[in-house]
Amino acid sequence: MSVCTSETMTNHHRVPGFHPLEAVMAMVRLWRQRAQRRHELLQLGERDFHDVGASWSDFAHEASKPFWRS
C-alpha cells in the first residue's frame, strides 16, 4: 500500500548548501593546479633535482602525466 502526500521528496544524502556545479568547479581548479605544477617541474634544473634528492627521470615521470591523473 502506498500513501500519496503533497510534500516534496527530500534527498537526505545531499549536503546542505552544496551545488553540483561547485564540485565541477573544484575539479577544474584541481586540474589547473596539477597542470601548472607539472609545467613548473619541467622548468627545474639539475641543481634543483639534486637539492631535493631526486633525478630528472623522477620529475619527468610526474610532469608527463595528464592533468586529470593524480
N, C-alpha and C. Protein backbone atom coordinates (compact mmCIF):
# COMPACT_ATOMS: atom_id res chain seq x y z
N MET A 1 0.84 -1.16 0.00
CA MET A 1 0.00 0.00 0.00
C MET A 1 0.89 1.24 0.00
N SER A 2 0.59 2.20 -0.82
CA SER A 2 1.37 3.44 -0.87
C SER A 2 0.50 4.60 -0.45
N VAL A 3 1.17 5.59 0.07
CA VAL A 3 0.46 6.77 0.53
C VAL A 3 0.92 7.95 -0.31
N CYS A 4 -0.01 8.70 -0.81
CA CYS A 4 0.30 9.87 -1.62
C CYS A 4 0.19 11.10 -0.73
N THR A 5 1.27 11.89 -0.70
CA THR A 5 1.23 13.12 0.09
C THR A 5 1.58 14.30 -0.81
N SER A 6 1.31 15.48 -0.34
CA SER A 6 1.61 16.67 -1.12
C SER A 6 3.02 17.20 -0.82
N GLU A 7 3.73 16.59 0.13
CA GLU A 7 5.09 17.03 0.45
C GLU A 7 6.06 16.59 -0.64
N THR A 8 7.05 17.41 -0.86
CA THR A 8 8.07 17.04 -1.85
C THR A 8 9.07 16.10 -1.21
N MET A 9 9.65 15.26 -2.03
CA MET A 9 10.66 14.32 -1.53
C MET A 9 11.95 15.08 -1.28
N THR A 10 12.67 14.68 -0.27
CA THR A 10 13.94 15.30 0.03
C THR A 10 15.06 14.27 -0.13
N ASN A 11 16.21 14.76 -0.54
CA ASN A 11 17.38 13.92 -0.66
C ASN A 11 18.19 14.08 0.62
N HIS A 12 18.19 13.08 1.45
CA HIS A 12 18.88 13.17 2.74
C HIS A 12 20.39 12.98 2.60
N HIS A 13 20.85 12.61 1.43
CA HIS A 13 22.28 12.40 1.21
C HIS A 13 22.97 13.66 0.71
N ARG A 14 22.25 14.66 0.36
CA ARG A 14 22.82 15.89 -0.18
C ARG A 14 23.28 16.80 0.96
N VAL A 15 24.44 17.38 0.79
CA VAL A 15 24.98 18.31 1.78
C VAL A 15 24.24 19.64 1.64
N PRO A 16 23.75 20.18 2.73
CA PRO A 16 23.03 21.47 2.65
C PRO A 16 23.94 22.57 2.10
N GLY A 17 23.43 23.35 1.18
CA GLY A 17 24.20 24.44 0.60
C GLY A 17 25.18 24.01 -0.46
N PHE A 18 25.23 22.75 -0.81
CA PHE A 18 26.15 22.24 -1.81
C PHE A 18 25.46 22.17 -3.16
N HIS A 19 26.11 22.68 -4.18
CA HIS A 19 25.56 22.64 -5.52
C HIS A 19 26.49 21.80 -6.40
N PRO A 20 25.94 20.94 -7.26
CA PRO A 20 26.78 20.10 -8.11
C PRO A 20 27.79 20.90 -8.95
N LEU A 21 27.42 22.10 -9.33
CA LEU A 21 28.33 22.93 -10.11
C LEU A 21 29.60 23.26 -9.31
N GLU A 22 29.46 23.36 -7.98
CA GLU A 22 30.61 23.61 -7.13
C GLU A 22 31.61 22.47 -7.23
N ALA A 23 31.13 21.25 -7.31
CA ALA A 23 32.03 20.10 -7.44
C ALA A 23 32.78 20.15 -8.77
N VAL A 24 32.09 20.54 -9.81
CA VAL A 24 32.73 20.66 -11.13
C VAL A 24 33.79 21.75 -11.09
N MET A 25 33.46 22.88 -10.50
CA MET A 25 34.41 23.99 -10.41
C MET A 25 35.64 23.60 -9.58
N ALA A 26 35.43 22.87 -8.51
CA ALA A 26 36.55 22.42 -7.67
C ALA A 26 37.46 21.47 -8.46
N MET A 27 36.87 20.60 -9.26
CA MET A 27 37.66 19.67 -10.06
C MET A 27 38.47 20.41 -11.12
N VAL A 28 37.87 21.40 -11.74
CA VAL A 28 38.58 22.19 -12.75
C VAL A 28 39.75 22.93 -12.10
N ARG A 29 39.53 23.49 -10.91
CA ARG A 29 40.63 24.17 -10.20
C ARG A 29 41.76 23.20 -9.89
N LEU A 30 41.42 22.01 -9.44
CA LEU A 30 42.43 20.99 -9.13
C LEU A 30 43.21 20.62 -10.38
N TRP A 31 42.53 20.42 -11.50
CA TRP A 31 43.20 20.08 -12.75
C TRP A 31 44.15 21.20 -13.19
N ARG A 32 43.71 22.45 -13.05
CA ARG A 32 44.58 23.58 -13.43
C ARG A 32 45.82 23.64 -12.54
N GLN A 33 45.65 23.39 -11.25
CA GLN A 33 46.79 23.38 -10.34
C GLN A 33 47.78 22.28 -10.72
N ARG A 34 47.27 21.10 -11.01
CA ARG A 34 48.15 19.99 -11.42
C ARG A 34 48.92 20.35 -12.68
N ALA A 35 48.21 20.89 -13.66
CA ALA A 35 48.86 21.24 -14.93
C ALA A 35 49.95 22.29 -14.69
N GLN A 36 49.66 23.28 -13.86
CA GLN A 36 50.63 24.34 -13.59
C GLN A 36 51.84 23.77 -12.85
N ARG A 37 51.63 22.95 -11.85
CA ARG A 37 52.75 22.37 -11.09
C ARG A 37 53.61 21.47 -11.97
N ARG A 38 52.98 20.71 -12.83
CA ARG A 38 53.75 19.83 -13.72
C ARG A 38 54.54 20.64 -14.73
N HIS A 39 53.99 21.74 -15.18
CA HIS A 39 54.73 22.62 -16.08
C HIS A 39 55.94 23.21 -15.35
N GLU A 40 55.75 23.59 -14.09
CA GLU A 40 56.85 24.14 -13.30
C GLU A 40 57.95 23.10 -13.09
N LEU A 41 57.59 21.84 -12.95
CA LEU A 41 58.60 20.79 -12.80
C LEU A 41 59.53 20.74 -14.01
N LEU A 42 58.96 20.98 -15.18
CA LEU A 42 59.76 20.93 -16.41
C LEU A 42 60.75 22.09 -16.48
N GLN A 43 60.54 23.13 -15.69
CA GLN A 43 61.41 24.30 -15.71
C GLN A 43 62.60 24.15 -14.76
N LEU A 44 62.60 23.13 -13.91
CA LEU A 44 63.66 22.96 -12.92
C LEU A 44 64.95 22.47 -13.58
N GLY A 45 66.05 22.79 -12.93
CA GLY A 45 67.36 22.38 -13.43
C GLY A 45 67.95 21.26 -12.59
N GLU A 46 69.12 20.78 -13.00
CA GLU A 46 69.78 19.68 -12.29
C GLU A 46 70.04 20.02 -10.83
N ARG A 47 70.41 21.25 -10.56
CA ARG A 47 70.69 21.65 -9.18
C ARG A 47 69.43 21.52 -8.32
N ASP A 48 68.28 21.89 -8.88
CA ASP A 48 67.02 21.76 -8.15
C ASP A 48 66.73 20.31 -7.81
N PHE A 49 66.98 19.43 -8.76
CA PHE A 49 66.74 18.00 -8.52
C PHE A 49 67.66 17.49 -7.42
N HIS A 50 68.91 17.90 -7.50
CA HIS A 50 69.90 17.47 -6.50
C HIS A 50 69.49 17.97 -5.11
N ASP A 51 68.98 19.19 -5.02
CA ASP A 51 68.58 19.77 -3.73
C ASP A 51 67.51 18.94 -3.02
N VAL A 52 66.62 18.34 -3.78
CA VAL A 52 65.55 17.54 -3.16
C VAL A 52 65.86 16.04 -3.18
N GLY A 53 67.02 15.68 -3.71
CA GLY A 53 67.42 14.28 -3.70
C GLY A 53 66.68 13.42 -4.71
N ALA A 54 66.37 13.99 -5.85
CA ALA A 54 65.67 13.24 -6.90
C ALA A 54 66.42 13.41 -8.22
N SER A 55 66.00 12.65 -9.19
CA SER A 55 66.63 12.72 -10.50
C SER A 55 65.65 13.32 -11.52
N TRP A 56 66.18 13.67 -12.67
CA TRP A 56 65.35 14.22 -13.74
C TRP A 56 64.24 13.24 -14.12
N SER A 57 64.56 11.96 -14.14
CA SER A 57 63.55 10.97 -14.55
C SER A 57 62.37 10.93 -13.57
N ASP A 58 62.65 11.14 -12.28
CA ASP A 58 61.55 11.18 -11.29
C ASP A 58 60.59 12.32 -11.61
N PHE A 59 61.14 13.49 -11.89
CA PHE A 59 60.33 14.66 -12.20
C PHE A 59 59.68 14.53 -13.58
N ALA A 60 60.41 13.97 -14.53
CA ALA A 60 59.86 13.82 -15.88
C ALA A 60 58.64 12.91 -15.87
N HIS A 61 58.70 11.86 -15.07
CA HIS A 61 57.56 10.94 -14.98
C HIS A 61 56.33 11.68 -14.46
N GLU A 62 56.50 12.45 -13.40
CA GLU A 62 55.37 13.21 -12.83
C GLU A 62 54.88 14.26 -13.82
N ALA A 63 55.79 14.96 -14.45
CA ALA A 63 55.42 16.04 -15.37
C ALA A 63 54.74 15.53 -16.62
N SER A 64 54.99 14.28 -16.99
CA SER A 64 54.40 13.74 -18.22
C SER A 64 52.97 13.25 -18.06
N LYS A 65 52.51 13.16 -16.81
CA LYS A 65 51.14 12.66 -16.59
C LYS A 65 50.12 13.71 -17.04
N PRO A 66 48.99 13.27 -17.57
CA PRO A 66 47.92 14.20 -17.92
C PRO A 66 47.37 14.88 -16.67
N PHE A 67 46.80 16.05 -16.82
CA PHE A 67 46.33 16.83 -15.68
C PHE A 67 45.25 16.13 -14.88
N TRP A 68 44.53 15.21 -15.48
CA TRP A 68 43.43 14.56 -14.76
C TRP A 68 43.91 13.38 -13.91
N ARG A 69 45.16 13.00 -14.03
CA ARG A 69 45.70 11.90 -13.21
C ARG A 69 46.42 12.45 -11.99
N SER A 70 46.21 11.80 -10.86
CA SER A 70 46.91 12.27 -9.65
C SER A 70 48.22 11.52 -9.49
